[in-house]
Amino acid sequence: MSLGTPIEVHGLSKHFGDVHAVNDLSFKVMPGRVTGFLGPNGSGKTTTLRCLLGLVRPTAGTATIGGQPYANLPNPTTLVGAALEATGFHPGRTARNHLKIVASAARIDYKRVDETLKQVGLTDDADRRVGGYSMGMRQRLQLAATLLGDPGVVLLDEPANGLDPGGIAWLRGFLRSLAAEGRTVLVSSHVLSEVEQTVDDVIIITQGHLVRACPLEELTASRTAAVIVRTPEPERLAAVLRDEFSAAAQVVDGGLSVIGLTTEQVGHSAHSRAIELHELRDEHADLEQIFLALTSPPAAP
């Protein structure tokens, strides 16, 4: 299997007794792209990832990497790197020695230890005991262990946990660089503002069901939050739009926010009434707004 191979989930279900953690879930993750795996707590993300890694046996369906179940991959640690939960580091062991132990167990050349320490920015702290590491440094060490086998597929669950703003910015560039090398990168995260700046594609699930799987650009472009208008006569234009379209038009900060109309409709109405416009644009919903709209339970009648 070459660097960067598709992940495919087809008809995947996992039931724990009466609890249906995953229900008939299907999606595909492509190499050369960063894919965000999103969903509320309890939506089935971790169960899906554990099925991919052979840690949980599906009730139905398949979860494959390069067309093969994880258990059938030859020397899987050199093909798939995964970090699904915080690893317990021996506090008295240095980062370099920790990685040497991991490398030895996976039959990985020790030269990869220093290479991965450099990749994650821990070279200068490689001989410090992990007990003195910050949470962010431990996250970087976890990433280094994930990359020891130089895998073409990288699965990460909440990798930004414990990182400060500088660390999060570093992680963003790091994940983008992995994808640019042709790797398949699947990242589960709750930090939606950061996901929006990092990923190419999104997979959104809730209650074990797929809600949406598409490029991020397609998702955000499809949802217009409002039409924003700047005009010297916002109250007059708002009255016109309410009269013509029964539109929700609200004066905000001297401008106008219009829900339910296109820029063409607003512009035509303003032109027909000789109302001067200084700005007319769509304001698209951000990922957090879209995520909440797609995953929130319907309001009670």
C-alpha atoms as a PDB file:
ATOM      1  CA  MET A   1       0.000   0.000   0.000  1.00  0.00           C
ATOM      2  CA  SER A   2       1.470   3.339  -1.061  1.00  0.00           C
ATOM      3  CA  LEU A   3       1.611   6.570   0.913  1.00  0.00           C
ATOM      4  CA  GLY A   4      -1.872   8.036   1.128  1.00  0.00           C
ATOM      5  CA  THR A   5      -4.674   5.551   0.655  1.00  0.00           C
ATOM      6  CA  PRO A   6      -8.450   5.940   1.013  1.00  0.00           C
ATOM      7  CA  ILE A   7     -10.358   5.165   4.181  1.00  0.00           C
ATOM      8  CA  GLU A   8     -13.767   3.670   3.424  1.00  0.00           C
ATOM      9  CA  VAL A   9     -16.646   3.081   5.810  1.00  0.00           C
ATOM     10  CA  HIS A  10     -19.635   1.295   4.317  1.00  0.00           C
ATOM     11  CA  GLY A  11     -22.906   0.455   6.070  1.00  0.00           C
ATOM     12  CA  LEU A  12     -21.118   0.467   9.421  1.00  0.00           C
ATOM     13  CA  SER A  13     -23.182  -0.268  12.524  1.00  0.00           C
ATOM     14  CA  LYS A  14     -22.106  -0.981  16.068  1.00  0.00           C
ATOM     15  CA  HIS A  15     -24.557  -1.855  18.827  1.00  0.00           C
ATOM     16  CA  PHE A  16     -23.693  -2.267  22.486  1.00  0.00           C
ATOM     17  CA  GLY A  17     -26.778  -4.089  23.687  1.00  0.00           C
ATOM     18  CA  ASP A  18     -29.657  -1.656  23.283  1.00  0.00           C
ATOM     19  CA  VAL A  19     -27.301   1.246  22.578  1.00  0.00           C
ATOM     20  CA  HIS A  20     -26.851   1.858  18.839  1.00  0.00           C
ATOM     21  CA  ALA A  21     -23.576   3.778  18.807  1.00  0.00           C
ATOM     22  CA  VAL A  22     -23.222   3.732  15.010  1.00  0.00           C
ATOM     23  CA  ASN A  23     -26.043   3.191  12.516  1.00  0.00           C
ATOM     24  CA  ASP A  24     -25.532   2.331   8.835  1.00  0.00           C
ATOM     25  CA  LEU A  25     -22.702   4.837   8.471  1.00  0.00           C
ATOM     26  CA  SER A  26     -20.939   5.294   5.114  1.00  0.00           C
ATOM     27  CA  PHE A  27     -18.255   7.773   4.031  1.00  0.00           C
ATOM     28  CA  LYS A  28     -14.895   7.964   2.273  1.00  0.00           C
ATOM     29  CA  VAL A  29     -11.730   9.835   3.231  1.00  0.00           C
ATOM     30  CA  MET A  30      -9.280  10.629   0.432  1.00  0.00           C
ATOM     31  CA  PRO A  31      -5.492  11.047   0.506  1.00  0.00           C
ATOM     32  CA  GLY A  32      -3.887  14.447   0.108  1.00  0.00           C
ATOM     33  CA  ARG A  33      -6.617  16.143   2.149  1.00  0.00           C
ATOM     34  CA  VAL A  34      -7.327  16.916   5.794  1.00  0.00           C
ATOM     35  CA  THR A  35     -10.774  15.637   6.751  1.00  0.00           C
ATOM     36  CA  GLY A  36     -12.555  16.808   9.895  1.00  0.00           C
ATOM     37  CA  PHE A  37     -14.669  14.175  11.661  1.00  0.00           C
ATOM     38  CA  LEU A  38     -17.290  16.105  13.622  1.00  0.00           C
ATOM     39  CA  GLY A  39     -20.210  15.315  15.873  1.00  0.00           C
ATOM     40  CA  PRO A  40     -21.575  16.022  19.362  1.00  0.00           C
ATOM     41  CA  ASN A  41     -20.392  13.980  22.329  1.00  0.00           C
ATOM     42  CA  GLY A  42     -21.867  10.501  22.054  1.00  0.00           C
ATOM     43  CA  SER A  43     -22.417  10.787  18.301  1.00  0.00           C
ATOM     44  CA  GLY A  44     -20.327   7.693  17.501  1.00  0.00           C
ATOM     45  CA  LYS A  45     -17.045   9.270  16.344  1.00  0.00           C
ATOM     46  CA  THR A  46     -14.750   7.358  18.679  1.00  0.00           C
ATOM     47  CA  THR A  47     -16.595   4.085  18.111  1.00  0.00           C
ATOM     48  CA  THR A  48     -16.186   4.549  14.355  1.00  0.00           C
ATOM     49  CA  LEU A  49     -12.461   5.213  14.713  1.00  0.00           C
ATOM     50  CA  ARG A  50     -12.081   2.184  16.966  1.00  0.00           C
ATOM     51  CA  CYS A  51     -13.826   0.048  14.333  1.00  0.00           C
ATOM     52  CA  LEU A  52     -11.364   1.375  11.743  1.00  0.00           C
ATOM     53  CA  LEU A  53      -8.456   0.293  13.939  1.00  0.00           C
ATOM     54  CA  GLY A  54      -9.861  -3.147  14.702  1.00  0.00           C
ATOM     55  CA  LEU A  55     -10.341  -2.334  18.374  1.00  0.00           C
ATOM     56  CA  VAL A  56     -14.099  -2.870  18.134  1.00  0.00           C
ATOM     57  CA  ARG A  57     -15.850  -5.446  15.956  1.00  0.00           C
ATOM     58  CA  PRO A  58     -18.711  -3.946  13.916  1.00  0.00           C
ATOM     59  CA  THR A  59     -22.212  -5.318  14.284  1.00  0.00           C
ATOM     60  CA  ALA A  60     -22.621  -4.828  10.533  1.00  0.00           C
ATOM     61  CA  GLY A  61     -20.809  -3.197   7.625  1.00  0.00           C
ATOM     62  CA  THR A  62     -17.126  -2.588   6.988  1.00  0.00           C
ATOM     63  CA  ALA A  63     -14.405  -0.084   7.866  1.00  0.00           C
ATOM     64  CA  THR A  64     -11.290  -0.431   5.704  1.00  0.00           C
ATOM     65  CA  ILE A  65      -7.991   1.279   5.004  1.00  0.00           C
ATOM     66  CA  GLY A  66      -6.695   0.801   1.495  1.00  0.00           C
ATOM     67  CA  GLY A  67      -9.484  -1.715   0.942  1.00  0.00           C
ATOM     68  CA  GLN A  68      -8.363  -3.892   3.860  1.00  0.00           C
ATOM     69  CA  PRO A  69      -9.494  -4.231   7.475  1.00  0.00           C
ATOM     70  CA  TYR A  70      -6.812  -2.991   9.847  1.00  0.00           C
ATOM     71  CA  ALA A  71      -6.201  -6.530  11.130  1.00  0.00           C
ATOM     72  CA  ASN A  72      -5.228  -7.657   7.614  1.00  0.00           C
ATOM     73  CA  LEU A  73      -2.684  -4.893   6.985  1.00  0.00           C
ATOM     74  CA  PRO A  74       0.931  -6.035   6.776  1.00  0.00           C
ATOM     75  CA  ASN A  75       3.017  -4.257   9.426  1.00  0.00           C
ATOM     76  CA  PRO A  76       0.178  -1.814  10.199  1.00  0.00           C
ATOM     77  CA  THR A  77       2.221   0.593  12.351  1.00  0.00           C
ATOM     78  CA  THR A  78       4.152   1.643   9.250  1.00  0.00           C
ATOM     79  CA  LEU A  79       0.936   2.184   7.297  1.00  0.00           C
ATOM     80  CA  VAL A  80      -1.410   3.747   9.860  1.00  0.00           C
ATOM     81  CA  GLY A  81      -0.576   6.135  12.678  1.00  0.00           C
ATOM     82  CA  ALA A  82      -3.311   6.707  15.237  1.00  0.00           C
ATOM     83  CA  ALA A  83      -3.788   8.598  18.485  1.00  0.00           C
ATOM     84  CA  LEU A  84      -7.277   8.124  19.883  1.00  0.00           C
ATOM     85  CA  GLU A  85      -6.713   8.924  23.526  1.00  0.00           C
ATOM     86  CA  ALA A  86      -4.069  10.328  25.811  1.00  0.00           C
ATOM     87  CA  THR A  87      -1.175   7.926  26.230  1.00  0.00           C
ATOM     88  CA  GLY A  88       0.186   7.283  29.706  1.00  0.00           C
ATOM     89  CA  PHE A  89       3.818   8.406  29.667  1.00  0.00           C
ATOM     90  CA  HIS A  90       6.217   7.220  32.356  1.00  0.00           C
ATOM     91  CA  PRO A  91       7.066  10.500  34.142  1.00  0.00           C
ATOM     92  CA  GLY A  92      10.671   9.482  34.744  1.00  0.00           C
ATOM     93  CA  ARG A  93      11.385   8.553  31.144  1.00  0.00           C
ATOM     94  CA  THR A  94      12.719  11.020  28.595  1.00  0.00           C
ATOM     95  CA  ALA A  95      10.836  11.690  25.371  1.00  0.00           C
ATOM     96  CA  ARG A  96      13.623  10.129  23.339  1.00  0.00           C
ATOM     97  CA  ASN A  97      13.615   6.944  25.400  1.00  0.00           C
ATOM     98  CA  HIS A  98       9.827   6.733  25.268  1.00  0.00           C
ATOM     99  CA  LEU A  99       9.930   6.836  21.475  1.00  0.00           C
ATOM    100  CA  LYS A 100      12.750   4.284  21.360  1.00  0.00           C
ATOM    101  CA  ILE A 101      10.596   1.850  23.347  1.00  0.00           C
ATOM    102  CA  VAL A 102       7.652   2.433  20.986  1.00  0.00           C
ATOM    103  CA  ALA A 103       9.925   2.036  17.965  1.00  0.00           C
ATOM    104  CA  SER A 104      11.428  -1.174  19.324  1.00  0.00           C
ATOM    105  CA  ALA A 105       8.015  -2.717  19.936  1.00  0.00           C
ATOM    106  CA  ALA A 106       6.947  -1.860  16.377  1.00  0.00           C
ATOM    107  CA  ARG A 107      10.303  -2.879  14.826  1.00  0.00           C
ATOM    108  CA  ILE A 108      10.888   0.638  13.546  1.00  0.00           C
ATOM    109  CA  ASP A 109      14.405   1.949  12.906  1.00  0.00           C
ATOM    110  CA  TYR A 110      15.666   4.151  15.756  1.00  0.00           C
ATOM    111  CA  LYS A 111      16.612   6.869  13.270  1.00  0.00           C
ATOM    112  CA  ARG A 112      12.921   7.719  13.098  1.00  0.00           C
ATOM    113  CA  VAL A 113      13.013   8.778  16.752  1.00  0.00           C
ATOM    114  CA  ASP A 114      15.077  11.901  16.126  1.00  0.00           C
ATOM    115  CA  GLU A 115      13.276  12.562  12.844  1.00  0.00           C
ATOM    116  CA  THR A 116       9.867  12.628  14.495  1.00  0.00           C
ATOM    117  CA  LEU A 117      11.110  14.646  17.470  1.00  0.00           C
ATOM    118  CA  LYS A 118      12.251  17.256  14.964  1.00  0.00           C
ATOM    119  CA  GLN A 119       8.937  17.079  13.092  1.00  0.00           C
ATOM    120  CA  VAL A 120       6.957  17.975  16.209  1.00  0.00           C
ATOM    121  CA  GLY A 121       9.412  20.543  17.557  1.00  0.00           C
ATOM    122  CA  LEU A 122      10.694  18.578  20.555  1.00  0.00           C
ATOM    123  CA  THR A 123      14.356  18.196  19.621  1.00  0.00           C
ATOM    124  CA  ASP A 124      15.566  20.615  22.296  1.00  0.00           C
ATOM    125  CA  ASP A 125      13.476  18.853  24.956  1.00  0.00           C
ATOM    126  CA  ALA A 126      14.099  15.274  23.825  1.00  0.00           C
ATOM    127  CA  ASP A 127      16.203  14.390  26.878  1.00  0.00           C
ATOM    128  CA  ARG A 128      13.924  15.985  29.436  1.00  0.00           C
ATOM    129  CA  ARG A 129      11.808  13.701  31.572  1.00  0.00           C
ATOM    130  CA  VAL A 130       8.211  13.612  30.420  1.00  0.00           C
ATOM    131  CA  GLY A 131       7.023  14.282  33.971  1.00  0.00           C
ATOM    132  CA  GLY A 132       8.172  17.878  33.473  1.00  0.00           C
ATOM    133  CA  TYR A 133       6.332  18.313  30.183  1.00  0.00           C
ATOM    134  CA  SER A 134       3.334  20.590  29.762  1.00  0.00           C
ATOM    135  CA  MET A 135       0.083  19.154  28.383  1.00  0.00           C
ATOM    136  CA  GLY A 136       0.882  20.673  25.008  1.00  0.00           C
ATOM    137  CA  MET A 137       4.330  19.063  24.933  1.00  0.00           C
ATOM    138  CA  ARG A 138       2.764  15.711  25.771  1.00  0.00           C
ATOM    139  CA  GLN A 139       0.395  16.168  22.835  1.00  0.00           C
ATOM    140  CA  ARG A 140       3.397  16.763  20.580  1.00  0.00           C
ATOM    141  CA  LEU A 141       5.085  13.652  21.935  1.00  0.00           C
ATOM    142  CA  GLN A 142       1.916  11.698  21.221  1.00  0.00           C
ATOM    143  CA  LEU A 143       2.050  12.966  17.631  1.00  0.00           C
ATOM    144  CA  ALA A 144       5.690  11.944  17.371  1.00  0.00           C
ATOM    145  CA  ALA A 145       4.804   8.400  18.457  1.00  0.00           C
ATOM    146  CA  THR A 146       1.989   8.340  15.899  1.00  0.00           C
ATOM    147  CA  LEU A 147       4.400   9.268  13.105  1.00  0.00           C
ATOM    148  CA  LEU A 148       7.237   6.898  14.015  1.00  0.00           C
ATOM    149  CA  GLY A 149       6.339   4.432  11.262  1.00  0.00           C
ATOM    150  CA  ASP A 150       6.107   7.233   8.657  1.00  0.00           C
ATOM    151  CA  PRO A 151       2.482   6.209   7.972  1.00  0.00           C
ATOM    152  CA  GLY A 152       0.468   7.190   4.927  1.00  0.00           C
ATOM    153  CA  VAL A 153      -2.739   7.304   6.982  1.00  0.00           C
ATOM    154  CA  VAL A 154      -3.003   9.417  10.149  1.00  0.00           C
ATOM    155  CA  LEU A 155      -6.000   9.225  12.535  1.00  0.00           C
ATOM    156  CA  LEU A 156      -6.127  11.762  15.364  1.00  0.00           C
ATOM    157  CA  ASP A 157      -8.753  12.266  18.058  1.00  0.00           C
ATOM    158  CA  GLU A 158      -8.778  15.789  19.540  1.00  0.00           C
ATOM    159  CA  PRO A 159      -5.102  16.561  18.797  1.00  0.00           C
ATOM    160  CA  ALA A 160      -5.485  20.234  19.819  1.00  0.00           C
ATOM    161  CA  ASN A 161      -6.289  19.373  23.457  1.00  0.00           C
ATOM    162  CA  GLY A 162      -3.847  21.120  25.778  1.00  0.00           C
ATOM    163  CA  LEU A 163      -2.244  23.255  23.085  1.00  0.00           C
ATOM    164  CA  ASP A 164      -1.955  27.014  23.560  1.00  0.00           C
ATOM    165  CA  PRO A 165      -2.844  29.366  20.652  1.00  0.00           C
ATOM    166  CA  GLY A 166       0.683  29.131  19.278  1.00  0.00           C
ATOM    167  CA  GLY A 167       0.574  25.343  19.494  1.00  0.00           C
ATOM    168  CA  ILE A 168      -2.783  25.236  17.750  1.00  0.00           C
ATOM    169  CA  ALA A 169      -1.442  27.390  14.921  1.00  0.00           C
ATOM    170  CA  TRP A 170       1.545  25.051  14.660  1.00  0.00           C
ATOM    171  CA  LEU A 171      -0.749  22.014  14.564  1.00  0.00           C
ATOM    172  CA  ARG A 172      -2.763  23.571  11.746  1.00  0.00           C
ATOM    173  CA  GLY A 173       0.327  23.933   9.578  1.00  0.00           C
ATOM    174  CA  PHE A 174       1.570  20.504  10.592  1.00  0.00           C
ATOM    175  CA  LEU A 175      -1.628  18.733   9.523  1.00  0.00           C
ATOM    176  CA  ARG A 176      -1.685  20.667   6.269  1.00  0.00           C
ATOM    177  CA  SER A 177       1.916  19.604   5.585  1.00  0.00           C
ATOM    178  CA  LEU A 178       1.048  15.932   6.162  1.00  0.00           C
ATOM    179  CA  ALA A 179      -1.773  16.174   3.610  1.00  0.00           C
ATOM    180  CA  ALA A 180       0.483  18.043   1.179  1.00  0.00           C
ATOM    181  CA  GLU A 181       2.833  15.042   1.258  1.00  0.00           C
ATOM    182  CA  GLY A 182      -0.065  12.904   0.007  1.00  0.00           C
ATOM    183  CA  ARG A 183      -1.099  11.376   3.328  1.00  0.00           C
ATOM    184  CA  THR A 184      -4.669  10.654   4.360  1.00  0.00           C
ATOM    185  CA  VAL A 185      -5.438  12.733   7.458  1.00  0.00           C
ATOM    186  CA  LEU A 186      -8.627  12.201   9.496  1.00  0.00           C
ATOM    187  CA  VAL A 187      -9.032  14.446  12.535  1.00  0.00           C
ATOM    188  CA  SER A 188     -11.780  14.377  15.151  1.00  0.00           C
ATOM    189  CA  SER A 189     -12.119  17.709  16.942  1.00  0.00           C
ATOM    190  CA  HIS A 190     -14.504  19.886  18.959  1.00  0.00           C
ATOM    191  CA  VAL A 191     -12.555  23.089  18.201  1.00  0.00           C
ATOM    192  CA  LEU A 192     -14.765  24.082  15.278  1.00  0.00           C
ATOM    193  CA  SER A 193     -13.163  27.488  14.707  1.00  0.00           C
ATOM    194  CA  GLU A 194      -9.827  25.745  14.225  1.00  0.00           C
ATOM    195  CA  VAL A 195     -11.299  22.954  12.104  1.00  0.00           C
ATOM    196  CA  GLU A 196     -12.680  25.602   9.764  1.00  0.00           C
ATOM    197  CA  GLN A 197      -9.160  26.944   9.192  1.00  0.00           C
ATOM    198  CA  THR A 198      -7.546  23.532   8.770  1.00  0.00           C
ATOM    199  CA  VAL A 199      -9.651  20.953   6.946  1.00  0.00           C
ATOM    200  CA  ASP A 200     -10.528  20.416   3.293  1.00  0.00           C
ATOM    201  CA  ASP A 201     -13.478  18.086   3.881  1.00  0.00           C
ATOM    202  CA  VAL A 202     -15.929  17.452   6.695  1.00  0.00           C
ATOM    203  CA  ILE A 203     -17.850  14.403   7.870  1.00  0.00           C
ATOM    204  CA  ILE A 204     -20.604  15.296  10.341  1.00  0.00           C
ATOM    205  CA  ILE A 205     -22.478  12.633  12.282  1.00  0.00           C
ATOM    206  CA  THR A 206     -25.021  12.665  15.071  1.00  0.00           C
ATOM    207  CA  GLN A 207     -26.574   9.788  17.014  1.00  0.00           C
ATOM    208  CA  GLY A 208     -24.530   7.368  14.907  1.00  0.00           C
ATOM    209  CA  HIS A 209     -25.977   8.607  11.602  1.00  0.00           C
ATOM    210  CA  LEU A 210     -24.264  10.503   8.805  1.00  0.00           C
ATOM    211  CA  VAL A 211     -25.538  14.064   8.488  1.00  0.00           C
ATOM    212  CA  ARG A 212     -23.209  15.452   5.839  1.00  0.00           C
ATOM    213  CA  ALA A 213     -19.968  14.485   4.066  1.00  0.00           C
ATOM    214  CA  CYS A 214     -18.574  17.016   1.598  1.00  0.00           C
ATOM    215  CA  PRO A 215     -15.839  19.585   1.004  1.00  0.00           C
ATOM    216  CA  LEU A 216     -15.898  22.313   3.656  1.00  0.00           C
ATOM    217  CA  GLU A 217     -16.212  24.984   0.983  1.00  0.00           C
ATOM    218  CA  GLU A 218     -19.355  23.346  -0.386  1.00  0.00           C
ATOM    219  CA  LEU A 219     -20.905  23.133   3.073  1.00  0.00           C
ATOM    220  CA  THR A 220     -20.284  26.754   4.052  1.00  0.00           C
ATOM    221  CA  ALA A 221     -21.211  28.145   0.621  1.00  0.00           C
ATOM    222  CA  SER A 222     -24.558  26.365   0.739  1.00  0.00           C
ATOM    223  CA  ARG A 223     -25.674  28.127   3.891  1.00  0.00           C
ATOM    224  CA  THR A 224     -26.302  31.869   3.734  1.00  0.00           C
ATOM    225  CA  ALA A 225     -26.877  33.290   7.175  1.00  0.00           C
ATOM    226  CA  ALA A 226     -28.047  36.707   5.980  1.00  0.00           C
ATOM    227  CA  VAL A 227     -27.755  39.451   3.397  1.00  0.00           C
ATOM    228  CA  ILE A 228     -25.848  42.416   4.835  1.00  0.00           C
ATOM    229  CA  VAL A 229     -26.758  45.871   3.525  1.00  0.00           C
ATOM    230  CA  ARG A 230     -25.171  49.254   4.183  1.00  0.00           C
ATOM    231  CA  THR A 231     -27.396  52.158   3.225  1.00  0.00           C
ATOM    232  CA  PRO A 232     -28.124  55.711   4.432  1.00  0.00           C
ATOM    233  CA  GLU A 233     -31.782  54.657   4.725  1.00  0.00           C
ATOM    234  CA  PRO A 234     -31.792  51.299   6.576  1.00  0.00           C
ATOM    235  CA  GLU A 235     -35.207  51.812   8.214  1.00  0.00           C
ATOM    236  CA  ARG A 236     -36.844  52.702   4.904  1.00  0.00           C
ATOM    237  CA  LEU A 237     -35.321  49.705   3.097  1.00  0.00           C
ATOM    238  CA  ALA A 238     -36.311  47.392   5.959  1.00  0.00           C
ATOM    239  CA  ALA A 239     -39.917  48.579   5.647  1.00  0.00           C
ATOM    240  CA  VAL A 240     -39.846  47.996   1.871  1.00  0.00           C
ATOM    241  CA  LEU A 241     -38.542  44.444   2.260  1.00  0.00           C
ATOM    242  CA  ARG A 242     -41.063  43.601   4.945  1.00  0.00           C
ATOM    243  CA  ASP A 243     -43.848  44.950   2.769  1.00  0.00           C
ATOM    244  CA  GLU A 244     -42.751  43.222  -0.463  1.00  0.00           C
ATOM    245  CA  PHE A 245     -41.476  39.889   0.873  1.00  0.00           C
ATOM    246  CA  SER A 246     -42.488  39.695   4.536  1.00  0.00           C
ATOM    247  CA  ALA A 247     -38.757  39.348   5.034  1.00  0.00           C
ATOM    248  CA  ALA A 248     -37.013  39.442   8.400  1.00  0.00           C
ATOM    249  CA  ALA A 249     -35.058  42.693   8.070  1.00  0.00           C
ATOM    250  CA  GLN A 250     -33.377  44.115  11.148  1.00  0.00           C
ATOM    251  CA  VAL A 251     -31.316  47.266  11.569  1.00  0.00           C
ATOM    252  CA  VAL A 252     -28.005  46.324  13.207  1.00  0.00           C
ATOM    253  CA  ASP A 253     -25.126  48.747  13.858  1.00  0.00           C
ATOM    254  CA  GLY A 254     -26.438  51.217  11.303  1.00  0.00           C
ATOM    255  CA  GLY A 255     -26.767  48.547   8.618  1.00  0.00           C
ATOM    256  CA  LEU A 256     -29.391  46.027   7.708  1.00  0.00           C
ATOM    257  CA  SER A 257     -29.427  42.250   8.190  1.00  0.00           C
ATOM    258  CA  VAL A 258     -31.938  40.461   5.978  1.00  0.00           C
ATOM    259  CA  ILE A 259     -32.931  36.816   6.375  1.00  0.00           C
ATOM    260  CA  GLY A 260     -34.519  34.738   3.627  1.00  0.00           C
ATOM    261  CA  LEU A 261     -33.742  36.873   0.560  1.00  0.00           C
ATOM    262  CA  THR A 262     -30.969  36.903  -2.028  1.00  0.00           C
ATOM    263  CA  THR A 263     -28.706  39.856  -2.761  1.00  0.00           C
ATOM    264  CA  GLU A 264     -30.451  40.131  -6.148  1.00  0.00           C
ATOM    265  CA  GLN A 265     -33.873  40.522  -4.524  1.00  0.00           C
ATOM    266  CA  VAL A 266     -32.631  43.099  -2.017  1.00  0.00           C
ATOM    267  CA  GLY A 267     -30.730  45.016  -4.696  1.00  0.00           C
ATOM    268  CA  HIS A 268     -33.721  45.097  -7.056  1.00  0.00           C
ATOM    269  CA  SER A 269     -36.050  46.385  -4.351  1.00  0.00           C
ATOM    270  CA  ALA A 270     -33.582  49.098  -3.344  1.00  0.00           C
ATOM    271  CA  HIS A 271     -33.069  50.144  -6.974  1.00  0.00           C
ATOM    272  CA  SER A 272     -36.817  50.293  -7.690  1.00  0.00           C
ATOM    273  CA  ARG A 273     -37.295  52.646  -4.721  1.00  0.00           C
ATOM    274  CA  ALA A 274     -34.164  54.717  -5.509  1.00  0.00           C
ATOM    275  CA  ILE A 275     -32.547  53.719  -2.195  1.00  0.00           C
ATOM    276  CA  GLU A 276     -28.791  54.266  -2.242  1.00  0.00           C
ATOM    277  CA  LEU A 277     -26.655  51.235  -1.322  1.00  0.00           C
ATOM    278  CA  HIS A 278     -23.080  51.356  -0.047  1.00  0.00           C
ATOM    279  CA  GLU A 279     -22.670  47.604   0.523  1.00  0.00           C
ATOM    280  CA  LEU A 280     -24.607  44.488  -0.431  1.00  0.00           C
ATOM    281  CA  ARG A 281     -23.223  41.047   0.344  1.00  0.00           C
ATOM    282  CA  ASP A 282     -24.009  37.548   1.510  1.00  0.00           C
ATOM    283  CA  GLU A 283     -22.869  36.633   4.991  1.00  0.00           C
ATOM    284  CA  HIS A 284     -22.324  32.888   5.032  1.00  0.00           C
ATOM    285  CA  ALA A 285     -22.815  30.897   8.205  1.00  0.00           C
ATOM    286  CA  ASP A 286     -19.595  29.757   9.849  1.00  0.00           C
ATOM    287  CA  LEU A 287     -18.907  26.106  10.582  1.00  0.00           C
ATOM    288  CA  GLU A 288     -20.103  26.345  14.173  1.00  0.00           C
ATOM    289  CA  GLN A 289     -23.486  27.746  13.112  1.00  0.00           C
ATOM    290  CA  ILE A 290     -23.871  25.059  10.453  1.00  0.00           C
ATOM    291  CA  PHE A 291     -22.774  22.300  12.825  1.00  0.00           C
ATOM    292  CA  LEU A 292     -25.327  23.329  15.451  1.00  0.00           C
ATOM    293  CA  ALA A 293     -28.073  23.585  12.849  1.00  0.00           C
ATOM    294  CA  LEU A 294     -27.319  20.112  11.516  1.00  0.00           C
ATOM    295  CA  THR A 295     -26.831  18.294  14.806  1.00  0.00           C
ATOM    296  CA  SER A 296     -29.168  19.991  17.277  1.00  0.00           C
ATOM    297  CA  PRO A 297     -32.315  18.014  18.091  1.00  0.00           C
ATOM    298  CA  PRO A 298     -35.542  19.528  16.793  1.00  0.00           C
ATOM    299  CA  ALA A 299     -37.297  21.869  19.165  1.00  0.00           C
ATOM    300  CA  ALA A 300     -40.177  20.400  21.119  1.00  0.00           C
ATOM    301  CA  PRO A 301     -43.611  21.378  19.740  1.00  0.00           C
END
